[in-house]
Amino acid sequence: MIPQVRMIEISKINPNCRCIYALESIEEMVRSIRKNGQIDPIQIWFCDICFRILDGEKRWRAFKKIGLRKIKAIIVEDTEE
């Protein structure tokens, strides 16, 4: 089955607290998104009351920094915690 890409509100997604990125890295992603848009969706899963990021936290942080309200995401159903 082909995963469905959805537009999810940034406010409904929580970060993966283990990821740390240099400010320069986030700024580079901001420039890329402003120039090219979002090329790849992030991957998220639903955990209790919100979504959690599996892949794409740097893109999510860049979207927040830009002030965008929604991001393309694939909701992954099966995850191993």
PDB file of N, CA and C in Angstrom:
ATOM      1  N   MET A   1       0.840  -1.177   0.000  1.00  0.00           N
ATOM      2  CA  MET A   1       0.000   0.000   0.000  1.00  0.00           C
ATOM      3  C   MET A   1       0.895   1.253   0.000  1.00  0.00           C
ATOM      4  N   ILE A   2       0.549   2.220  -0.813  1.00  0.00           N
ATOM      5  CA  ILE A   2       1.285   3.480  -0.888  1.00  0.00           C
ATOM      6  C   ILE A   2       0.860   4.355   0.285  1.00  0.00           C
ATOM      7  N   PRO A   3       1.838   4.858   1.067  1.00  0.00           N
ATOM      8  CA  PRO A   3       1.474   5.710   2.210  1.00  0.00           C
ATOM      9  C   PRO A   3       0.835   7.016   1.744  1.00  0.00           C
ATOM     10  N   GLN A   4      -0.158   7.461   2.478  1.00  0.00           N
ATOM     11  CA  GLN A   4      -0.877   8.690   2.148  1.00  0.00           C
ATOM     12  C   GLN A   4      -0.220   9.883   2.839  1.00  0.00           C
ATOM     13  N   VAL A   5       0.079  10.905   2.048  1.00  0.00           N
ATOM     14  CA  VAL A   5       0.652  12.132   2.589  1.00  0.00           C
ATOM     15  C   VAL A   5      -0.502  13.047   2.990  1.00  0.00           C
ATOM     16  N   ARG A   6      -0.444  13.550   4.211  1.00  0.00           N
ATOM     17  CA  ARG A   6      -1.491  14.442   4.735  1.00  0.00           C
ATOM     18  C   ARG A   6      -0.875  15.753   5.190  1.00  0.00           C
ATOM     19  N   MET A   7      -1.693  16.769   5.265  1.00  0.00           N
ATOM     20  CA  MET A   7      -1.265  18.052   5.835  1.00  0.00           C
ATOM     21  C   MET A   7      -1.682  18.038   7.308  1.00  0.00           C
ATOM     22  N   ILE A   8      -0.705  18.135   8.192  1.00  0.00           N
ATOM     23  CA  ILE A   8      -0.950  18.071   9.639  1.00  0.00           C
ATOM     24  C   ILE A   8      -0.530  19.398  10.263  1.00  0.00           C
ATOM     25  N   GLU A   9      -1.326  19.878  11.201  1.00  0.00           N
ATOM     26  CA  GLU A   9      -0.976  21.114  11.899  1.00  0.00           C
ATOM     27  C   GLU A   9       0.273  20.895  12.752  1.00  0.00           C
ATOM     28  N   ILE A  10       1.209  21.831  12.634  1.00  0.00           N
ATOM     29  CA  ILE A  10       2.467  21.777  13.385  1.00  0.00           C
ATOM     30  C   ILE A  10       2.203  21.647  14.879  1.00  0.00           C
ATOM     31  N   SER A  11       1.183  22.334  15.377  1.00  0.00           N
ATOM     32  CA  SER A  11       0.891  22.347  16.814  1.00  0.00           C
ATOM     33  C   SER A  11       0.456  20.980  17.351  1.00  0.00           C
ATOM     34  N   LYS A  12       0.078  20.063  16.467  1.00  0.00           N
ATOM     35  CA  LYS A  12      -0.357  18.734  16.894  1.00  0.00           C
ATOM     36  C   LYS A  12       0.785  17.723  16.908  1.00  0.00           C
ATOM     37  N   ILE A  13       1.997  18.195  16.602  1.00  0.00           N
ATOM     38  CA  ILE A  13       3.150  17.306  16.511  1.00  0.00           C
ATOM     39  C   ILE A  13       4.173  17.692  17.583  1.00  0.00           C
ATOM     40  N   ASN A  14       4.637  16.698  18.323  1.00  0.00           N
ATOM     41  CA  ASN A  14       5.683  16.910  19.334  1.00  0.00           C
ATOM     42  C   ASN A  14       7.005  16.367  18.816  1.00  0.00           C
ATOM     43  N   PRO A  15       8.101  17.007  19.202  1.00  0.00           N
ATOM     44  CA  PRO A  15       9.414  16.565  18.717  1.00  0.00           C
ATOM     45  C   PRO A  15       9.876  15.276  19.375  1.00  0.00           C
ATOM     46  N   ASN A  16      10.896  14.703  18.779  1.00  0.00           N
ATOM     47  CA  ASN A  16      11.595  13.578  19.379  1.00  0.00           C
ATOM     48  C   ASN A  16      12.664  14.192  20.260  1.00  0.00           C
ATOM     49  N   CYS A  17      12.528  14.101  21.539  1.00  0.00           N
ATOM     50  CA  CYS A  17      13.394  14.820  22.483  1.00  0.00           C
ATOM     51  C   CYS A  17      14.852  14.388  22.432  1.00  0.00           C
ATOM     52  N   ARG A  18      15.158  13.310  21.738  1.00  0.00           N
ATOM     53  CA  ARG A  18      16.541  12.841  21.663  1.00  0.00           C
ATOM     54  C   ARG A  18      17.334  13.542  20.560  1.00  0.00           C
ATOM     55  N   CYS A  19      16.666  14.261  19.677  1.00  0.00           N
ATOM     56  CA  CYS A  19      17.347  14.900  18.546  1.00  0.00           C
ATOM     57  C   CYS A  19      17.840  16.295  18.919  1.00  0.00           C
ATOM     58  N   ILE A  20      19.100  16.561  18.589  1.00  0.00           N
ATOM     59  CA  ILE A  20      19.688  17.875  18.809  1.00  0.00           C
ATOM     60  C   ILE A  20      20.314  18.327  17.494  1.00  0.00           C
ATOM     61  N   TYR A  21      20.009  19.546  17.083  1.00  0.00           N
ATOM     62  CA  TYR A  21      20.533  20.070  15.829  1.00  0.00           C
ATOM     63  C   TYR A  21      21.221  21.404  16.072  1.00  0.00           C
ATOM     64  N   ALA A  22      22.285  21.626  15.317  1.00  0.00           N
ATOM     65  CA  ALA A  22      22.973  22.912  15.370  1.00  0.00           C
ATOM     66  C   ALA A  22      22.079  23.965  14.726  1.00  0.00           C
ATOM     67  N   LEU A  23      22.113  25.179  15.256  1.00  0.00           N
ATOM     68  CA  LEU A  23      21.317  26.275  14.720  1.00  0.00           C
ATOM     69  C   LEU A  23      21.595  26.482  13.230  1.00  0.00           C
ATOM     70  N   GLU A  24      22.849  26.327  12.815  1.00  0.00           N
ATOM     71  CA  GLU A  24      23.217  26.486  11.406  1.00  0.00           C
ATOM     72  C   GLU A  24      22.473  25.481  10.532  1.00  0.00           C
ATOM     73  N   SER A  25      22.326  24.274  11.027  1.00  0.00           N
ATOM     74  CA  SER A  25      21.634  23.219  10.293  1.00  0.00           C
ATOM     75  C   SER A  25      20.160  23.564  10.086  1.00  0.00           C
ATOM     76  N   ILE A  26      19.528  24.095  11.109  1.00  0.00           N
ATOM     77  CA  ILE A  26      18.122  24.506  11.007  1.00  0.00           C
ATOM     78  C   ILE A  26      17.999  25.677  10.035  1.00  0.00           C
ATOM     79  N   GLU A  27      18.907  26.633  10.117  1.00  0.00           N
ATOM     80  CA  GLU A  27      18.874  27.792   9.212  1.00  0.00           C
ATOM     81  C   GLU A  27      19.034  27.362   7.754  1.00  0.00           C
ATOM     82  N   GLU A  28      19.899  26.381   7.524  1.00  0.00           N
ATOM     83  CA  GLU A  28      20.077  25.855   6.168  1.00  0.00           C
ATOM     84  C   GLU A  28      18.782  25.229   5.664  1.00  0.00           C
ATOM     85  N   MET A  29      18.115  24.497   6.533  1.00  0.00           N
ATOM     86  CA  MET A  29      16.837  23.880   6.160  1.00  0.00           C
ATOM     87  C   MET A  29      15.786  24.949   5.897  1.00  0.00           C
ATOM     88  N   VAL A  30      15.763  26.020   6.690  1.00  0.00           N
ATOM     89  CA  VAL A  30      14.830  27.131   6.478  1.00  0.00           C
ATOM     90  C   VAL A  30      15.029  27.707   5.072  1.00  0.00           C
ATOM     91  N   ARG A  31      16.290  27.957   4.698  1.00  0.00           N
ATOM     92  CA  ARG A  31      16.582  28.508   3.364  1.00  0.00           C
ATOM     93  C   ARG A  31      16.110  27.557   2.263  1.00  0.00           C
ATOM     94  N   SER A  32      16.349  26.270   2.454  1.00  0.00           N
ATOM     95  CA  SER A  32      15.939  25.272   1.464  1.00  0.00           C
ATOM     96  C   SER A  32      14.422  25.230   1.305  1.00  0.00           C
ATOM     97  N   ILE A  33      13.694  25.258   2.413  1.00  0.00           N
ATOM     98  CA  ILE A  33      12.232  25.213   2.357  1.00  0.00           C
ATOM     99  C   ILE A  33      11.679  26.474   1.706  1.00  0.00           C
ATOM    100  N   ARG A  34      12.255  27.615   2.020  1.00  0.00           N
ATOM    101  CA  ARG A  34      11.806  28.869   1.394  1.00  0.00           C
ATOM    102  C   ARG A  34      12.049  28.847  -0.110  1.00  0.00           C
ATOM    103  N   LYS A  35      13.152  28.250  -0.535  1.00  0.00           N
ATOM    104  CA  LYS A  35      13.497  28.217  -1.957  1.00  0.00           C
ATOM    105  C   LYS A  35      12.741  27.127  -2.711  1.00  0.00           C
ATOM    106  N   ASN A  36      12.670  25.924  -2.138  1.00  0.00           N
ATOM    107  CA  ASN A  36      12.151  24.755  -2.853  1.00  0.00           C
ATOM    108  C   ASN A  36      10.829  24.207  -2.325  1.00  0.00           C
ATOM    109  N   GLY A  37      10.367  24.706  -1.173  1.00  0.00           N
ATOM    110  CA  GLY A  37       9.195  24.110  -0.544  1.00  0.00           C
ATOM    111  C   GLY A  37       9.582  22.821   0.169  1.00  0.00           C
ATOM    112  N   GLN A  38       8.609  22.136   0.679  1.00  0.00           N
ATOM    113  CA  GLN A  38       8.861  20.863   1.372  1.00  0.00           C
ATOM    114  C   GLN A  38       8.916  19.757   0.327  1.00  0.00           C
ATOM    115  N   ILE A  39      10.072  19.152   0.165  1.00  0.00           N
ATOM    116  CA  ILE A  39      10.250  18.109  -0.844  1.00  0.00           C
ATOM    117  C   ILE A  39       9.755  16.766  -0.322  1.00  0.00           C
ATOM    118  N   ASP A  40      10.180  16.391   0.875  1.00  0.00           N
ATOM    119  CA  ASP A  40       9.802  15.102   1.458  1.00  0.00           C
ATOM    120  C   ASP A  40       8.910  15.315   2.671  1.00  0.00           C
ATOM    121  N   PRO A  41       7.864  14.484   2.814  1.00  0.00           N
ATOM    122  CA  PRO A  41       7.041  14.580   4.021  1.00  0.00           C
ATOM    123  C   PRO A  41       7.792  14.024   5.220  1.00  0.00           C
ATOM    124  N   ILE A  42       7.430  14.494   6.400  1.00  0.00           N
ATOM    125  CA  ILE A  42       7.979  13.905   7.615  1.00  0.00           C
ATOM    126  C   ILE A  42       7.177  12.643   7.926  1.00  0.00           C
ATOM    127  N   GLN A  43       7.702  11.801   8.793  1.00  0.00           N
ATOM    128  CA  GLN A  43       6.976  10.608   9.225  1.00  0.00           C
ATOM    129  C   GLN A  43       6.650  10.766  10.698  1.00  0.00           C
ATOM    130  N   ILE A  44       5.388  10.513  11.037  1.00  0.00           N
ATOM    131  CA  ILE A  44       4.919  10.671  12.411  1.00  0.00           C
ATOM    132  C   ILE A  44       4.077   9.470  12.813  1.00  0.00           C
ATOM    133  N   TRP A  45       3.858   9.305  14.098  1.00  0.00           N
ATOM    134  CA  TRP A  45       2.912   8.315  14.596  1.00  0.00           C
ATOM    135  C   TRP A  45       2.137   8.943  15.735  1.00  0.00           C
ATOM    136  N   PHE A  46       0.941   8.390  15.991  1.00  0.00           N
ATOM    137  CA  PHE A  46       0.094   8.924  17.050  1.00  0.00           C
ATOM    138  C   PHE A  46       0.464   8.247  18.358  1.00  0.00           C
ATOM    139  N   CYS A  47       0.736   9.063  19.380  1.00  0.00           N
ATOM    140  CA  CYS A  47       1.164   8.563  20.683  1.00  0.00           C
ATOM    141  C   CYS A  47       0.339   9.267  21.763  1.00  0.00           C
ATOM    142  N   ASP A  48      -0.582   8.560  22.355  1.00  0.00           N
ATOM    143  CA  ASP A  48      -1.446   9.081  23.417  1.00  0.00           C
ATOM    144  C   ASP A  48      -2.338  10.230  22.937  1.00  0.00           C
ATOM    145  N   ILE A  49      -1.882  11.481  23.066  1.00  0.00           N
ATOM    146  CA  ILE A  49      -2.740  12.623  22.722  1.00  0.00           C
ATOM    147  C   ILE A  49      -2.186  13.507  21.604  1.00  0.00           C
ATOM    148  N   CYS A  50      -1.034  13.096  21.043  1.00  0.00           N
ATOM    149  CA  CYS A  50      -0.431  13.927  19.992  1.00  0.00           C
ATOM    150  C   CYS A  50       0.367  13.033  19.038  1.00  0.00           C
ATOM    151  N   PHE A  51       0.861  13.644  17.978  1.00  0.00           N
ATOM    152  CA  PHE A  51       1.752  12.937  17.065  1.00  0.00           C
ATOM    153  C   PHE A  51       3.188  13.107  17.536  1.00  0.00           C
ATOM    154  N   ARG A  52       4.030  12.111  17.261  1.00  0.00           N
ATOM    155  CA  ARG A  52       5.467  12.166  17.549  1.00  0.00           C
ATOM    156  C   ARG A  52       6.207  11.974  16.234  1.00  0.00           C
ATOM    157  N   ILE A  53       7.366  12.585  16.134  1.00  0.00           N
ATOM    158  CA  ILE A  53       8.145  12.523  14.905  1.00  0.00           C
ATOM    159  C   ILE A  53       9.041  11.289  14.899  1.00  0.00           C
ATOM    160  N   LEU A  54       8.936  10.527  13.803  1.00  0.00           N
ATOM    161  CA  LEU A  54       9.852   9.410  13.579  1.00  0.00           C
ATOM    162  C   LEU A  54      11.014   9.854  12.702  1.00  0.00           C
ATOM    163  N   ASP A  55      10.704  10.630  11.673  1.00  0.00           N
ATOM    164  CA  ASP A  55      11.723  11.104  10.736  1.00  0.00           C
ATOM    165  C   ASP A  55      11.323  12.481  10.226  1.00  0.00           C
ATOM    166  N   GLY A  56      12.258  13.425  10.258  1.00  0.00           N
ATOM    167  CA  GLY A  56      11.998  14.744   9.707  1.00  0.00           C
ATOM    168  C   GLY A  56      11.925  15.858  10.728  1.00  0.00           C
ATOM    169  N   GLU A  57      12.539  15.640  11.874  1.00  0.00           N
ATOM    170  CA  GLU A  57      12.441  16.667  12.921  1.00  0.00           C
ATOM    171  C   GLU A  57      13.074  17.993  12.493  1.00  0.00           C
ATOM    172  N   LYS A  58      14.167  17.931  11.733  1.00  0.00           N
ATOM    173  CA  LYS A  58      14.806  19.171  11.293  1.00  0.00           C
ATOM    174  C   LYS A  58      13.857  19.967  10.387  1.00  0.00           C
ATOM    175  N   ARG A  59      13.129  19.271   9.509  1.00  0.00           N
ATOM    176  CA  ARG A  59      12.131  19.948   8.666  1.00  0.00           C
ATOM    177  C   ARG A  59      11.039  20.558   9.527  1.00  0.00           C
ATOM    178  N   TRP A  60      10.572  19.823  10.558  1.00  0.00           N
ATOM    179  CA  TRP A  60       9.533  20.315  11.460  1.00  0.00           C
ATOM    180  C   TRP A  60      10.005  21.568  12.190  1.00  0.00           C
ATOM    181  N   ARG A  61      11.245  21.538  12.686  1.00  0.00           N
ATOM    182  CA  ARG A  61      11.795  22.709  13.390  1.00  0.00           C
ATOM    183  C   ARG A  61      11.919  23.911  12.448  1.00  0.00           C
ATOM    184  N   ALA A  62      12.309  23.671  11.201  1.00  0.00           N
ATOM    185  CA  ALA A  62      12.413  24.750  10.214  1.00  0.00           C
ATOM    186  C   ALA A  62      11.030  25.339   9.926  1.00  0.00           C
ATOM    187  N   PHE A  63      10.017  24.493   9.787  1.00  0.00           N
ATOM    188  CA  PHE A  63       8.652  24.978   9.560  1.00  0.00           C
ATOM    189  C   PHE A  63       8.202  25.854  10.718  1.00  0.00           C
ATOM    190  N   LYS A  64       8.481  25.423  11.949  1.00  0.00           N
ATOM    191  CA  LYS A  64       8.114  26.223  13.129  1.00  0.00           C
ATOM    192  C   LYS A  64       8.824  27.571  13.098  1.00  0.00           C
ATOM    193  N   LYS A  65      10.106  27.561  12.751  1.00  0.00           N
ATOM    194  CA  LYS A  65      10.889  28.795  12.723  1.00  0.00           C
ATOM    195  C   LYS A  65      10.340  29.763  11.673  1.00  0.00           C
ATOM    196  N   ILE A  66       9.936  29.243  10.525  1.00  0.00           N
ATOM    197  CA  ILE A  66       9.377  30.071   9.457  1.00  0.00           C
ATOM    198  C   ILE A  66       7.996  30.611   9.853  1.00  0.00           C
ATOM    199  N   GLY A  67       7.288  29.841  10.680  1.00  0.00           N
ATOM    200  CA  GLY A  67       5.949  30.248  11.092  1.00  0.00           C
ATOM    201  C   GLY A  67       4.840  29.593  10.279  1.00  0.00           C
ATOM    202  N   LEU A  68       5.200  28.522   9.569  1.00  0.00           N
ATOM    203  CA  LEU A  68       4.187  27.797   8.799  1.00  0.00           C
ATOM    204  C   LEU A  68       3.331  26.971   9.756  1.00  0.00           C
ATOM    205  N   ARG A  69       2.061  26.802   9.405  1.00  0.00           N
ATOM    206  CA  ARG A  69       1.129  26.150  10.332  1.00  0.00           C
ATOM    207  C   ARG A  69       0.894  24.677  10.048  1.00  0.00           C
ATOM    208  N   LYS A  70       1.124  24.243   8.796  1.00  0.00           N
ATOM    209  CA  LYS A  70       0.895  22.839   8.442  1.00  0.00           C
ATOM    210  C   LYS A  70       2.101  22.293   7.698  1.00  0.00           C
ATOM    211  N   ILE A  71       2.298  20.972   7.842  1.00  0.00           N
ATOM    212  CA  ILE A  71       3.429  20.298   7.209  1.00  0.00           C
ATOM    213  C   ILE A  71       2.934  18.990   6.597  1.00  0.00           C
ATOM    214  N   LYS A  72       3.546  18.597   5.472  1.00  0.00           N
ATOM    215  CA  LYS A  72       3.215  17.316   4.847  1.00  0.00           C
ATOM    216  C   LYS A  72       3.787  16.205   5.712  1.00  0.00           C
ATOM    217  N   ALA A  73       2.942  15.211   6.000  1.00  0.00           N
ATOM    218  CA  ALA A  73       3.383  14.116   6.864  1.00  0.00           C
ATOM    219  C   ALA A  73       2.734  12.809   6.444  1.00  0.00           C
ATOM    220  N   ILE A  74       3.460  11.737   6.701  1.00  0.00           N
ATOM    221  CA  ILE A  74       2.930  10.385   6.540  1.00  0.00           C
ATOM    222  C   ILE A  74       2.744   9.838   7.940  1.00  0.00           C
ATOM    223  N   ILE A  75       1.533   9.365   8.221  1.00  0.00           N
ATOM    224  CA  ILE A  75       1.251   8.783   9.540  1.00  0.00           C
ATOM    225  C   ILE A  75       1.575   7.292   9.468  1.00  0.00           C
ATOM    226  N   VAL A  76       2.540   6.883  10.282  1.00  0.00           N
ATOM    227  CA  VAL A  76       2.970   5.494  10.329  1.00  0.00           C
ATOM    228  C   VAL A  76       2.137   4.793  11.387  1.00  0.00           C
ATOM    229  N   GLU A  77       1.524   3.688  10.990  1.00  0.00           N
ATOM    230  CA  GLU A  77       0.624   2.972  11.914  1.00  0.00           C
ATOM    231  C   GLU A  77       1.369   2.035  12.858  1.00  0.00           C
ATOM    232  N   ASP A  78       2.339   1.320  12.339  1.00  0.00           N
ATOM    233  CA  ASP A  78       3.046   0.319  13.149  1.00  0.00           C
ATOM    234  C   ASP A  78       4.422   0.831  13.516  1.00  0.00           C
ATOM    235  N   THR A  79       4.655   1.031  14.810  1.00  0.00           N
ATOM    236  CA  THR A  79       5.975   1.446  15.285  1.00  0.00           C
ATOM    237  C   THR A  79       6.354   0.577  16.473  1.00  0.00           C
ATOM    238  N   GLU A  80       7.637   0.416  16.651  1.00  0.00           N
ATOM    239  CA  GLU A  80       8.138  -0.253  17.851  1.00  0.00           C
ATOM    240  C   GLU A  80       8.725   0.816  18.728  1.00  0.00           C
ATOM    241  N   GLU A  81       8.229   0.961  19.945  1.00  0.00           N
ATOM    242  CA  GLU A  81       8.694   2.026  20.839  1.00  0.00           C
ATOM    243  C   GLU A  81      10.004   1.671  21.462  1.00  0.00           C
TER     244      GLU A  81
END
